[in-house]
Amino acid sequence: MGSRDRLVVDYTLLEDSKRNLGQIHKVFEGIDDRSEAISDIWGHDRIAEKMDEFVSNWDSYREELVKNVEDLKNHVSGALKNFQKQDLDLKNATEKHGKNGGK
């Protein structure tokens, strides 16, 4: 059996990815609509109107992005749990096999 016959799972990478996705989710979810608070700084009504349009579109896309980031975090978390369970199951089976003298 060569190294090409093995699956190597980087738990640190999966755990870091899960944590980072959680932080990204928290940041994007916590961004409030501040368009009204800054509408006076644009000066011209058409500029303010276009900025309001931009913010409105951004809010829609942000909601979708938040959902996608949360879904991705859940998938990474599930993969991590499943790989850890498989490792434990293999360890237990190997130990049981060793105690039974290969039977």
N, C-alpha and C. Protein backbone atom coordinates (compact mmCIF):
# COMPACT_ATOMS: atom_id res chain seq x y z
N MET A 1 0.84 -1.19 0.00
CA MET A 1 0.00 0.00 0.00
C MET A 1 0.87 1.24 0.00
N GLY A 2 0.73 2.05 -0.99
CA GLY A 2 1.50 3.28 -1.06
C GLY A 2 0.73 4.45 -0.47
N SER A 3 1.37 5.60 -0.43
CA SER A 3 0.72 6.79 0.13
C SER A 3 -0.48 7.23 -0.71
N ARG A 4 -0.53 6.76 -1.95
CA ARG A 4 -1.66 7.12 -2.81
C ARG A 4 -2.92 6.35 -2.43
N ASP A 5 -2.76 5.33 -1.57
CA ASP A 5 -3.90 4.52 -1.14
C ASP A 5 -4.53 5.05 0.14
N ARG A 6 -4.06 6.17 0.62
CA ARG A 6 -4.54 6.70 1.89
C ARG A 6 -5.26 8.02 1.70
N LEU A 7 -6.23 8.22 2.57
CA LEU A 7 -6.92 9.50 2.64
C LEU A 7 -6.36 10.22 3.85
N VAL A 8 -5.80 11.39 3.61
CA VAL A 8 -5.25 12.20 4.70
C VAL A 8 -6.16 13.40 4.89
N VAL A 9 -6.69 13.52 6.10
CA VAL A 9 -7.61 14.61 6.42
C VAL A 9 -6.89 15.56 7.37
N ASP A 10 -6.84 16.82 6.99
CA ASP A 10 -6.20 17.85 7.81
C ASP A 10 -7.25 18.43 8.76
N TYR A 11 -7.33 17.87 9.98
CA TYR A 11 -8.32 18.33 10.95
C TYR A 11 -8.12 19.79 11.33
N THR A 12 -6.88 20.21 11.41
CA THR A 12 -6.60 21.60 11.76
C THR A 12 -7.18 22.53 10.71
N LEU A 13 -7.00 22.18 9.45
CA LEU A 13 -7.56 22.99 8.36
C LEU A 13 -9.08 23.03 8.43
N LEU A 14 -9.71 21.88 8.67
CA LEU A 14 -11.17 21.85 8.76
C LEU A 14 -11.67 22.66 9.96
N GLU A 15 -11.00 22.53 11.10
CA GLU A 15 -11.40 23.28 12.29
C GLU A 15 -11.21 24.78 12.08
N ASP A 16 -10.07 25.17 11.48
CA ASP A 16 -9.83 26.59 11.18
C ASP A 16 -10.87 27.12 10.20
N SER A 17 -11.20 26.34 9.18
CA SER A 17 -12.18 26.75 8.19
C SER A 17 -13.54 26.95 8.84
N LYS A 18 -13.92 26.01 9.70
CA LYS A 18 -15.21 26.12 10.41
C LYS A 18 -15.24 27.40 11.26
N ARG A 19 -14.15 27.64 12.00
CA ARG A 19 -14.08 28.84 12.85
C ARG A 19 -14.12 30.12 12.00
N ASN A 20 -13.34 30.15 10.92
CA ASN A 20 -13.30 31.33 10.06
C ASN A 20 -14.64 31.60 9.39
N LEU A 21 -15.31 30.55 8.94
CA LEU A 21 -16.63 30.73 8.33
C LEU A 21 -17.63 31.24 9.36
N GLY A 22 -17.51 30.79 10.60
CA GLY A 22 -18.36 31.30 11.67
C GLY A 22 -18.14 32.78 11.91
N GLN A 23 -16.88 33.20 11.87
CA GLN A 23 -16.56 34.62 12.06
C GLN A 23 -17.06 35.46 10.89
N ILE A 24 -16.89 34.95 9.68
CA ILE A 24 -17.38 35.66 8.49
C ILE A 24 -18.89 35.80 8.57
N HIS A 25 -19.55 34.73 8.93
CA HIS A 25 -21.01 34.75 9.06
C HIS A 25 -21.44 35.81 10.07
N LYS A 26 -20.77 35.85 11.20
CA LYS A 26 -21.12 36.81 12.26
C LYS A 26 -20.93 38.25 11.78
N VAL A 27 -19.85 38.52 11.07
CA VAL A 27 -19.57 39.88 10.59
C VAL A 27 -20.63 40.31 9.58
N PHE A 28 -20.90 39.47 8.58
CA PHE A 28 -21.87 39.84 7.56
C PHE A 28 -23.28 39.95 8.12
N GLU A 29 -23.61 39.09 9.07
CA GLU A 29 -24.94 39.14 9.66
C GLU A 29 -25.11 40.40 10.51
N GLY A 30 -24.01 40.88 11.08
CA GLY A 30 -24.08 42.05 11.96
C GLY A 30 -24.01 43.38 11.25
N ILE A 31 -23.86 43.38 9.94
CA ILE A 31 -23.82 44.64 9.20
C ILE A 31 -25.23 45.17 9.06
N ASP A 32 -25.45 46.34 9.60
CA ASP A 32 -26.79 46.95 9.55
C ASP A 32 -26.91 47.86 8.34
N ASP A 33 -28.14 48.17 7.98
CA ASP A 33 -28.41 49.13 6.92
C ASP A 33 -28.17 50.53 7.49
N ARG A 34 -27.12 51.17 7.02
CA ARG A 34 -26.77 52.50 7.52
C ARG A 34 -27.03 53.58 6.47
N SER A 35 -27.80 53.25 5.46
CA SER A 35 -28.00 54.20 4.36
C SER A 35 -28.70 55.47 4.82
N GLU A 36 -29.64 55.35 5.75
CA GLU A 36 -30.33 56.55 6.21
C GLU A 36 -29.43 57.44 7.05
N ALA A 37 -28.52 56.83 7.77
CA ALA A 37 -27.63 57.60 8.64
C ALA A 37 -26.65 58.44 7.83
N ILE A 38 -26.35 57.99 6.60
CA ILE A 38 -25.36 58.73 5.80
C ILE A 38 -25.96 59.39 4.57
N SER A 39 -27.28 59.34 4.40
CA SER A 39 -27.89 59.87 3.17
C SER A 39 -27.63 61.36 2.98
N ASP A 40 -27.47 62.10 4.07
CA ASP A 40 -27.24 63.55 3.96
C ASP A 40 -25.86 63.90 3.41
N ILE A 41 -24.90 63.00 3.50
CA ILE A 41 -23.54 63.33 3.06
C ILE A 41 -23.39 63.34 1.55
N TRP A 42 -24.33 62.74 0.80
CA TRP A 42 -24.18 62.64 -0.64
C TRP A 42 -24.47 63.96 -1.35
N GLY A 43 -25.20 64.82 -0.71
CA GLY A 43 -25.44 66.13 -1.29
C GLY A 43 -26.52 66.14 -2.35
N HIS A 44 -26.27 65.58 -3.47
CA HIS A 44 -27.20 65.60 -4.59
C HIS A 44 -28.20 64.45 -4.45
N ASP A 45 -29.47 64.73 -4.74
CA ASP A 45 -30.54 63.74 -4.58
C ASP A 45 -30.32 62.50 -5.45
N ARG A 46 -29.84 62.70 -6.68
CA ARG A 46 -29.62 61.53 -7.57
C ARG A 46 -28.53 60.63 -7.05
N ILE A 47 -27.49 61.22 -6.48
CA ILE A 47 -26.42 60.40 -5.90
C ILE A 47 -26.96 59.64 -4.70
N ALA A 48 -27.71 60.31 -3.85
CA ALA A 48 -28.31 59.65 -2.69
C ALA A 48 -29.24 58.52 -3.13
N GLU A 49 -30.00 58.77 -4.19
CA GLU A 49 -30.92 57.76 -4.72
C GLU A 49 -30.17 56.53 -5.20
N LYS A 50 -29.08 56.75 -5.94
CA LYS A 50 -28.28 55.63 -6.45
C LYS A 50 -27.59 54.88 -5.31
N MET A 51 -27.14 55.60 -4.31
CA MET A 51 -26.52 54.94 -3.16
C MET A 51 -27.55 54.11 -2.39
N ASP A 52 -28.76 54.61 -2.26
CA ASP A 52 -29.83 53.84 -1.62
C ASP A 52 -30.12 52.57 -2.41
N GLU A 53 -30.11 52.69 -3.74
CA GLU A 53 -30.33 51.53 -4.59
C GLU A 53 -29.21 50.50 -4.39
N PHE A 54 -27.98 50.99 -4.35
CA PHE A 54 -26.83 50.12 -4.13
C PHE A 54 -26.95 49.39 -2.78
N VAL A 55 -27.28 50.14 -1.74
CA VAL A 55 -27.39 49.56 -0.39
C VAL A 55 -28.51 48.52 -0.37
N SER A 56 -29.60 48.81 -1.01
CA SER A 56 -30.72 47.87 -1.05
C SER A 56 -30.31 46.57 -1.74
N ASN A 57 -29.61 46.70 -2.88
CA ASN A 57 -29.11 45.51 -3.58
C ASN A 57 -28.10 44.76 -2.73
N TRP A 58 -27.22 45.49 -2.09
CA TRP A 58 -26.21 44.87 -1.24
C TRP A 58 -26.87 44.08 -0.11
N ASP A 59 -27.93 44.65 0.49
CA ASP A 59 -28.63 43.94 1.56
C ASP A 59 -29.19 42.61 1.07
N SER A 60 -29.76 42.61 -0.13
CA SER A 60 -30.30 41.36 -0.70
C SER A 60 -29.19 40.34 -0.92
N TYR A 61 -28.10 40.78 -1.54
CA TYR A 61 -26.99 39.86 -1.80
C TYR A 61 -26.31 39.41 -0.51
N ARG A 62 -26.24 40.32 0.46
CA ARG A 62 -25.63 39.98 1.74
C ARG A 62 -26.42 38.88 2.44
N GLU A 63 -27.75 38.98 2.41
CA GLU A 63 -28.58 37.93 3.02
C GLU A 63 -28.30 36.57 2.38
N GLU A 64 -28.18 36.55 1.06
CA GLU A 64 -27.87 35.31 0.35
C GLU A 64 -26.47 34.82 0.72
N LEU A 65 -25.53 35.74 0.80
CA LEU A 65 -24.16 35.40 1.17
C LEU A 65 -24.10 34.82 2.59
N VAL A 66 -24.82 35.43 3.51
CA VAL A 66 -24.86 34.95 4.89
C VAL A 66 -25.38 33.52 4.93
N LYS A 67 -26.44 33.25 4.18
CA LYS A 67 -27.01 31.90 4.14
C LYS A 67 -26.01 30.91 3.55
N ASN A 68 -25.35 31.29 2.47
CA ASN A 68 -24.38 30.39 1.83
C ASN A 68 -23.18 30.12 2.73
N VAL A 69 -22.71 31.14 3.44
CA VAL A 69 -21.58 30.96 4.36
C VAL A 69 -21.99 30.04 5.50
N GLU A 70 -23.20 30.22 6.01
CA GLU A 70 -23.69 29.35 7.09
C GLU A 70 -23.82 27.90 6.60
N ASP A 71 -24.34 27.71 5.39
CA ASP A 71 -24.46 26.37 4.82
C ASP A 71 -23.08 25.72 4.67
N LEU A 72 -22.12 26.49 4.17
CA LEU A 72 -20.77 25.97 3.99
C LEU A 72 -20.14 25.59 5.33
N LYS A 73 -20.34 26.44 6.33
CA LYS A 73 -19.83 26.14 7.68
C LYS A 73 -20.43 24.85 8.20
N ASN A 74 -21.72 24.65 7.98
CA ASN A 74 -22.39 23.43 8.43
C ASN A 74 -21.85 22.20 7.70
N HIS A 75 -21.56 22.34 6.42
CA HIS A 75 -20.99 21.22 5.66
C HIS A 75 -19.59 20.87 6.16
N VAL A 76 -18.78 21.90 6.41
CA VAL A 76 -17.42 21.66 6.92
C VAL A 76 -17.50 21.00 8.30
N SER A 77 -18.40 21.49 9.14
CA SER A 77 -18.58 20.92 10.47
C SER A 77 -19.01 19.46 10.39
N GLY A 78 -19.95 19.17 9.50
CA GLY A 78 -20.41 17.79 9.31
C GLY A 78 -19.31 16.89 8.81
N ALA A 79 -18.52 17.38 7.86
CA ALA A 79 -17.40 16.59 7.34
C ALA A 79 -16.39 16.30 8.44
N LEU A 80 -16.08 17.32 9.23
CA LEU A 80 -15.14 17.16 10.34
C LEU A 80 -15.63 16.08 11.31
N LYS A 81 -16.90 16.17 11.72
CA LYS A 81 -17.47 15.18 12.65
C LYS A 81 -17.44 13.78 12.05
N ASN A 82 -17.81 13.66 10.77
CA ASN A 82 -17.82 12.35 10.13
C ASN A 82 -16.43 11.74 10.02
N PHE A 83 -15.44 12.56 9.65
CA PHE A 83 -14.07 12.05 9.57
C PHE A 83 -13.57 11.63 10.95
N GLN A 84 -13.88 12.42 11.97
CA GLN A 84 -13.45 12.08 13.33
C GLN A 84 -14.12 10.78 13.79
N LYS A 85 -15.39 10.60 13.48
CA LYS A 85 -16.09 9.37 13.84
C LYS A 85 -15.48 8.18 13.11
N GLN A 86 -15.18 8.33 11.83
CA GLN A 86 -14.57 7.24 11.08
C GLN A 86 -13.21 6.87 11.65
N ASP A 87 -12.43 7.87 12.01
CA ASP A 87 -11.12 7.61 12.62
C ASP A 87 -11.28 6.82 13.92
N LEU A 88 -12.23 7.23 14.75
CA LEU A 88 -12.46 6.54 16.02
C LEU A 88 -12.95 5.12 15.78
N ASP A 89 -13.86 4.93 14.84
CA ASP A 89 -14.35 3.59 14.51
C ASP A 89 -13.21 2.70 14.02
N LEU A 90 -12.35 3.24 13.15
CA LEU A 90 -11.21 2.46 12.66
C LEU A 90 -10.23 2.12 13.78
N LYS A 91 -10.00 3.07 14.65
CA LYS A 91 -9.11 2.84 15.80
C LYS A 91 -9.67 1.72 16.68
N ASN A 92 -10.96 1.82 16.99
CA ASN A 92 -11.59 0.80 17.84
C ASN A 92 -11.57 -0.57 17.17
N ALA A 93 -11.84 -0.62 15.89
CA ALA A 93 -11.82 -1.90 15.16
C ALA A 93 -10.41 -2.47 15.13
N THR A 94 -9.41 -1.62 14.95
CA THR A 94 -8.02 -2.08 14.92
C THR A 94 -7.60 -2.61 16.29
N GLU A 95 -7.98 -1.91 17.34
CA GLU A 95 -7.64 -2.35 18.70
C GLU A 95 -8.34 -3.66 19.03
N LYS A 96 -9.61 -3.78 18.64
CA LYS A 96 -10.37 -5.00 18.88
C LYS A 96 -9.74 -6.16 18.11
N HIS A 97 -9.35 -5.90 16.88
CA HIS A 97 -8.72 -6.90 16.05
C HIS A 97 -7.40 -7.35 16.66
N GLY A 98 -6.64 -6.40 17.19
CA GLY A 98 -5.36 -6.72 17.82
C GLY A 98 -5.52 -7.53 19.10
N LYS A 99 -6.53 -7.26 19.88
CA LYS A 99 -6.78 -7.98 21.14
C LYS A 99 -7.26 -9.40 20.88
N ASN A 100 -7.92 -9.60 19.76
CA ASN A 100 -8.43 -10.93 19.44
C ASN A 100 -7.41 -11.77 18.68
N GLY A 101 -6.18 -11.27 18.61
CA GLY A 101 -5.13 -12.02 17.94
C GLY A 101 -5.34 -12.18 16.46
N GLY A 102 -5.97 -11.18 15.85
CA GLY A 102 -6.14 -11.22 14.40
C GLY A 102 -7.36 -11.99 13.98
N LYS A 103 -8.19 -12.41 14.91
CA LYS A 103 -9.39 -13.17 14.56
C LYS A 103 -10.54 -12.26 14.21
